[in-house]
N, C-alpha and C. Protein backbone atom coordinates (compact mmCIF):
# COMPACT_ATOMS: atom_id res chain seq x y z
N MET A 1 6.32 -13.33 6.83
CA MET A 1 5.81 -12.67 5.86
C MET A 1 6.90 -11.57 5.13
N GLY A 2 7.02 -12.07 3.79
CA GLY A 2 8.37 -10.98 3.30
C GLY A 2 7.87 -10.83 1.88
N TRP A 3 8.70 -9.75 1.35
CA TRP A 3 7.94 -9.00 0.06
C TRP A 3 9.18 -8.98 -1.07
N GLY A 4 9.86 -10.34 -0.81
CA GLY A 4 10.98 -10.40 -1.84
C GLY A 4 12.37 -10.56 -1.06
N THR A 5 13.50 -10.48 -1.72
CA THR A 5 14.66 -10.58 -1.14
C THR A 5 14.92 -9.36 -0.46
N GLY A 6 15.58 -9.56 0.73
CA GLY A 6 16.00 -8.04 1.61
C GLY A 6 14.68 -7.52 2.48
N PHE A 7 13.70 -7.91 2.41
CA PHE A 7 12.45 -7.65 3.18
C PHE A 7 12.18 -8.45 4.10
N SER A 8 11.92 -7.91 5.34
CA SER A 8 11.35 -8.55 6.77
C SER A 8 10.48 -7.93 7.27
N VAL A 9 9.77 -8.34 8.31
CA VAL A 9 8.64 -7.66 8.72
C VAL A 9 9.30 -7.22 10.07
N GLY A 10 10.31 -7.55 10.65
CA GLY A 10 11.22 -6.84 11.69
C GLY A 10 11.58 -5.75 11.06
N GLY A 11 12.13 -5.92 9.91
CA GLY A 11 12.93 -4.57 9.33
C GLY A 11 11.92 -3.58 8.84
N CYS A 12 10.81 -3.93 8.50
CA CYS A 12 9.44 -3.00 8.14
C CYS A 12 9.35 -2.13 9.60
N ARG A 13 9.04 -3.01 10.36
CA ARG A 13 8.65 -2.41 11.84
C ARG A 13 9.39 -1.35 12.11
N ALA A 14 10.72 -1.68 12.27
CA ALA A 14 11.68 -1.03 12.72
C ALA A 14 11.61 0.47 11.76
N LEU A 15 11.88 0.36 10.62
CA LEU A 15 11.70 1.40 9.53
C LEU A 15 10.56 2.38 9.93
N LEU A 16 9.19 1.69 9.98
CA LEU A 16 8.04 2.55 10.36
C LEU A 16 7.95 2.90 11.83
N ARG A 17 8.50 2.34 12.55
CA ARG A 17 8.65 3.15 13.86
C ARG A 17 9.63 4.35 14.25
N ASN A 18 10.75 4.26 13.29
CA ASN A 18 11.72 5.15 13.39
C ASN A 18 11.57 6.44 12.54
N LEU A 19 10.48 6.75 11.88
CA LEU A 19 10.00 7.74 10.94
C LEU A 19 9.82 8.79 12.17
N SER A 20 9.98 10.17 11.53
CA SER A 20 9.70 11.11 12.00
C SER A 20 8.22 11.39 12.21
N ALA A 21 7.35 10.67 10.98
CA ALA A 21 5.85 10.78 10.93
C ALA A 21 5.33 9.80 10.01
N PRO A 22 4.09 9.33 10.35
CA PRO A 22 3.63 7.93 9.95
C PRO A 22 3.82 8.24 8.41
N PRO A 23 3.90 7.10 7.57
CA PRO A 23 3.59 7.11 6.38
C PRO A 23 2.30 7.37 5.96
N ILE A 24 1.93 7.98 4.82
CA ILE A 24 0.44 7.85 4.57
C ILE A 24 0.18 7.38 3.33
N SER A 25 -0.87 6.38 3.09
CA SER A 25 -1.00 5.91 2.17
C SER A 25 -2.75 5.73 1.94
N SER A 26 -3.14 5.26 0.59
CA SER A 26 -4.77 5.36 0.68
C SER A 26 -5.26 4.02 0.97
N GLU A 27 -6.70 4.16 1.23
CA GLU A 27 -7.29 2.95 1.76
C GLU A 27 -7.22 1.95 0.46
N THR A 28 -7.22 2.39 -0.73
CA THR A 28 -7.20 1.63 -1.99
C THR A 28 -5.81 0.57 -1.99
N CYS A 29 -4.77 1.09 -1.46
CA CYS A 29 -3.37 0.47 -1.37
C CYS A 29 -3.43 -0.56 -0.10
N ARG A 30 -4.48 -0.11 0.73
CA ARG A 30 -4.59 -1.14 2.14
C ARG A 30 -5.30 -2.37 1.45
N VAL A 31 -6.20 -2.21 0.67
CA VAL A 31 -7.17 -3.22 0.23
C VAL A 31 -6.34 -4.09 -0.49
N GLU A 32 -5.40 -3.43 -1.85
CA GLU A 32 -4.47 -4.19 -2.63
C GLU A 32 -3.57 -4.93 -1.66
N SER A 33 -3.41 -4.44 -0.69
CA SER A 33 -1.97 -5.32 0.12
C SER A 33 -2.81 -6.24 0.83
N LEU A 34 -3.73 -6.17 1.62
CA LEU A 34 -4.14 -7.33 2.28
C LEU A 34 -5.04 -8.39 1.64
N GLN A 35 -5.70 -8.15 0.31
CA GLN A 35 -6.39 -8.84 -0.05
C GLN A 35 -5.78 -10.35 -0.69
N GLY A 36 -4.44 -10.21 -0.94
CA GLY A 36 -3.69 -11.63 -1.07
C GLY A 36 -3.11 -12.23 -0.05
N LEU A 37 -3.07 -11.86 1.34
CA LEU A 37 -2.40 -12.40 2.16
C LEU A 37 -2.76 -13.62 2.56
N LEU A 38 -1.91 -14.83 3.19
CA LEU A 38 -2.32 -15.98 3.70
C LEU A 38 -2.54 -15.52 5.22
N ASP A 39 -3.20 -16.71 5.77
CA ASP A 39 -3.84 -16.67 7.17
C ASP A 39 -2.61 -16.41 8.45
N HIS A 40 -1.47 -17.27 7.92
CA HIS A 40 -0.53 -16.96 8.58
C HIS A 40 0.47 -15.44 8.70
N GLU A 41 -0.17 -14.80 7.59
CA GLU A 41 0.49 -13.75 7.37
C GLU A 41 -0.40 -12.26 8.06
N ARG A 42 -1.46 -12.58 8.35
CA ARG A 42 -2.48 -11.56 8.76
C ARG A 42 -1.99 -10.60 9.99
N ALA A 43 -1.71 -11.57 11.10
CA ALA A 43 -1.14 -10.61 12.64
C ALA A 43 0.02 -9.83 11.86
N ASP A 44 1.19 -10.02 11.33
CA ASP A 44 2.14 -9.03 10.99
C ASP A 44 1.64 -8.20 10.21
N ALA A 45 0.93 -8.64 9.07
CA ALA A 45 0.57 -7.18 8.70
C ALA A 45 -0.46 -6.18 9.29
N ALA A 46 -1.26 -6.88 10.18
CA ALA A 46 -2.22 -5.99 10.92
C ALA A 46 -1.26 -5.19 11.67
N GLU A 47 -0.32 -5.49 12.18
CA GLU A 47 0.91 -4.75 13.00
C GLU A 47 1.35 -3.61 12.26
N LEU A 48 2.02 -4.03 11.24
CA LEU A 48 2.45 -3.27 10.13
C LEU A 48 1.66 -2.12 9.83
N THR A 49 0.34 -2.51 9.07
CA THR A 49 -0.68 -1.28 8.79
C THR A 49 -1.23 -0.37 10.00
N SER A 50 -1.01 -0.78 11.04
CA SER A 50 -1.39 -0.02 12.14
C SER A 50 -0.59 1.11 12.28
N LEU A 51 0.44 1.05 11.71
CA LEU A 51 1.67 2.13 12.09
C LEU A 51 1.68 3.15 10.74
N ILE A 52 0.73 2.84 9.54
CA ILE A 52 0.60 3.75 8.50
C ILE A 52 -1.02 4.67 8.60
N GLU A 53 -0.89 5.94 8.27
CA GLU A 53 -1.94 6.59 8.22
C GLU A 53 -2.43 6.45 7.05
N TRP A 54 -3.80 5.95 7.35
CA TRP A 54 -4.72 5.61 5.84
C TRP A 54 -5.55 6.68 5.64
N VAL A 55 -5.76 7.05 4.45
CA VAL A 55 -6.77 8.16 3.96
C VAL A 55 -7.65 7.60 2.96
N PRO A 56 -8.90 8.13 2.74
CA PRO A 56 -9.79 7.64 1.92
C PRO A 56 -9.45 8.22 0.67
N VAL A 57 -9.87 7.45 -0.23
CA VAL A 57 -10.22 7.99 -1.53
C VAL A 57 -11.16 8.83 -2.15
N VAL A 58 -11.19 10.25 -1.66
CA VAL A 58 -12.33 11.04 -2.02
C VAL A 58 -12.13 11.57 -3.48
N GLU A 59 -13.37 12.12 -3.88
CA GLU A 59 -13.30 12.79 -5.21
C GLU A 59 -12.29 13.04 -5.78
N PRO A 60 -11.81 14.33 -5.23
CA PRO A 60 -10.73 15.03 -6.13
C PRO A 60 -9.50 14.12 -6.21
N ILE A 61 -9.06 13.15 -5.33
CA ILE A 61 -8.17 12.22 -5.49
C ILE A 61 -8.37 11.49 -6.48
N SER A 62 -9.88 10.70 -6.59
CA SER A 62 -9.94 9.90 -7.43
C SER A 62 -9.95 10.36 -9.13
N ILE A 63 -10.43 11.63 -9.07
CA ILE A 63 -10.54 12.43 -10.44
C ILE A 63 -9.01 12.61 -10.87
N ARG A 64 -8.02 12.76 -10.33
CA ARG A 64 -6.85 13.02 -10.18
C ARG A 64 -6.16 11.89 -10.95
N ALA A 65 -6.29 10.87 -10.02
CA ALA A 65 -5.92 9.62 -10.35
C ALA A 65 -6.33 9.01 -11.64
N GLY A 66 -7.58 9.39 -12.02
CA GLY A 66 -7.94 8.96 -13.33
C GLY A 66 -7.28 9.59 -14.20
N GLU A 67 -7.01 10.86 -14.03
CA GLU A 67 -6.27 11.79 -14.99
C GLU A 67 -5.00 11.21 -15.29
N LEU A 68 -4.42 10.76 -14.43
CA LEU A 68 -2.76 10.27 -14.27
C LEU A 68 -3.00 8.77 -14.85
N GLY A 69 -3.82 8.14 -14.73
CA GLY A 69 -3.89 6.78 -15.39
C GLY A 69 -3.93 7.08 -16.73
N ARG A 70 -5.00 7.79 -17.25
CA ARG A 70 -5.12 8.02 -18.74
C ARG A 70 -3.83 8.29 -19.20
N ARG A 71 -3.21 9.16 -18.42
CA ARG A 71 -1.81 9.83 -19.22
C ARG A 71 -0.93 8.50 -19.28
N TRP A 72 -0.58 7.91 -18.19
CA TRP A 72 0.44 7.01 -18.19
C TRP A 72 0.06 5.55 -18.23
N MET A 73 -1.30 4.92 -18.38
CA MET A 73 -1.33 3.54 -18.48
C MET A 73 -0.99 2.57 -20.04
N SER A 74 -0.94 3.51 -20.95
CA SER A 74 -0.61 3.08 -22.08
C SER A 74 0.98 2.46 -22.23
N SER A 75 1.53 3.35 -21.76
CA SER A 75 3.06 3.08 -21.76
C SER A 75 3.64 2.63 -20.37
N HIS A 76 2.76 2.29 -19.18
CA HIS A 76 3.12 1.74 -18.03
C HIS A 76 1.92 0.95 -17.41
N SER A 77 2.08 -0.10 -18.15
CA SER A 77 0.96 -1.35 -18.06
C SER A 77 1.02 -1.75 -16.50
N GLY A 78 1.71 -1.64 -15.73
CA GLY A 78 2.00 -2.13 -14.64
C GLY A 78 0.78 -1.29 -13.44
N ILE A 79 0.70 -0.01 -14.07
CA ILE A 79 -0.37 1.06 -13.27
C ILE A 79 -1.70 0.48 -13.10
N GLY A 80 -2.41 0.41 -11.95
CA GLY A 80 -3.82 0.00 -11.82
C GLY A 80 -4.22 0.56 -10.59
N ALA A 81 -5.96 0.57 -10.56
CA ALA A 81 -6.09 0.79 -9.30
C ALA A 81 -6.33 -0.60 -8.26
N ALA A 82 -6.55 -1.82 -8.96
CA ALA A 82 -6.73 -2.92 -8.41
C ALA A 82 -6.23 -3.94 -9.23
N PRO A 83 -5.32 -5.04 -8.37
CA PRO A 83 -4.62 -5.99 -8.99
C PRO A 83 -5.72 -6.90 -10.01
N GLU A 84 -5.15 -7.23 -11.33
CA GLU A 84 -6.24 -8.08 -12.26
C GLU A 84 -6.32 -9.48 -11.84
């Protein structure tokens, strides 16, 4: 599994394990990351995602994300909550 030039599972694993604290991301990002995986990529992805602290998208976060989306989506078309 790789995400373009210069990325490798081993490199990502080493980076995540050597951080002073686990990175934090939303459950929405986990869905977006996992939905397009091929079967042979799932084991590596499971290992890497286990090294991340996943937080739910609760109401205050979703309200703020909506505000930011309305502010920036017209000029930054790549911003979205889910892939199209």
